[in-house]
């Protein structure tokens, strides 16, 4: 419980399911994001040549 006392209300919202600034930046700088890895990989014709990166529960390239 000590750690929870150090969290501000804004940080607590992030812990409950919001998106952090780092995640938002990573997703915004990507070309496209998908909810599943399979959906992201389906956009590439060559399965050995894909750039899907996981950004906070989203797969982006």
Protein backbone atom coordinates (compact mmCIF):
# COMPACT_ATOMS: atom_id res chain seq x y z
CA UNK A 1 0.00 0.00 0.00
CA UNK A 2 2.95 2.36 0.45
CA UNK A 3 3.52 2.53 -3.31
CA UNK A 4 -0.10 3.43 -3.98
CA UNK A 5 0.13 6.45 -1.71
CA UNK A 6 2.87 7.88 -3.94
CA UNK A 7 0.66 7.81 -7.03
CA UNK A 8 -1.13 11.00 -8.00
CA UNK A 9 -4.70 10.94 -9.32
CA UNK A 10 -3.41 11.45 -12.86
CA UNK A 11 -0.99 8.54 -12.58
CA UNK A 12 -3.70 6.34 -11.11
CA UNK A 13 -5.83 6.90 -14.22
CA UNK A 14 -2.92 5.63 -16.31
CA UNK A 15 -2.60 2.51 -14.15
CA UNK A 16 -6.33 1.79 -14.51
CA UNK A 17 -6.10 1.55 -18.28
CA UNK A 18 -5.17 4.88 -19.78
CA UNK A 19 -2.36 5.29 -22.28
CA UNK A 20 1.00 6.67 -21.22
CA UNK A 21 2.74 9.48 -23.07
CA UNK A 22 5.44 7.09 -24.31
CA UNK A 23 2.84 4.73 -25.77
CA UNK A 24 0.96 7.57 -27.44
CA UNK A 25 4.18 8.89 -29.02
CA UNK A 26 5.19 5.47 -30.31
CA UNK A 27 1.79 4.77 -31.82
CA UNK A 28 1.52 8.26 -33.34
CA UNK A 29 4.90 7.94 -35.06
CA UNK A 30 3.93 4.60 -36.63
CA UNK A 31 2.43 4.17 -40.09
CA UNK A 32 -0.38 1.91 -38.87
CA UNK A 33 -1.35 0.06 -35.68
CA UNK A 34 -3.39 -3.10 -35.17
CA UNK A 35 -4.88 -4.84 -32.15
CA UNK A 36 -3.36 -8.24 -33.02
CA UNK A 37 0.02 -9.38 -34.28
CA UNK A 38 -1.64 -11.49 -36.98
CA UNK A 39 -3.43 -8.43 -38.38
CA UNK A 40 -0.18 -6.48 -38.47
CA UNK A 41 1.75 -9.31 -40.14
CA UNK A 42 -1.03 -9.77 -42.72
CA UNK A 43 -0.15 -6.40 -44.23
CA UNK A 44 3.26 -7.72 -45.38
CA UNK A 45 3.50 -10.04 -48.39
CA UNK A 46 6.75 -11.66 -47.19
CA UNK A 47 6.37 -13.21 -43.69
CA UNK A 48 10.14 -13.05 -43.09
CA UNK A 49 10.19 -9.34 -43.84
CA UNK A 50 7.92 -7.50 -41.44
CA UNK A 51 8.44 -4.68 -39.00
CA UNK A 52 5.63 -5.21 -36.48
CA UNK A 53 6.59 -3.73 -33.13
CA UNK A 54 4.50 -3.94 -29.99
CA UNK A 55 3.63 -0.56 -28.49
CA UNK A 56 1.56 -0.97 -25.33
CA UNK A 57 -0.97 -3.60 -26.41
CA UNK A 58 -0.93 -2.52 -30.08
CA UNK A 59 1.16 -3.85 -32.95
CA UNK A 60 2.51 -1.11 -35.18
CA UNK A 61 4.83 -0.66 -38.12
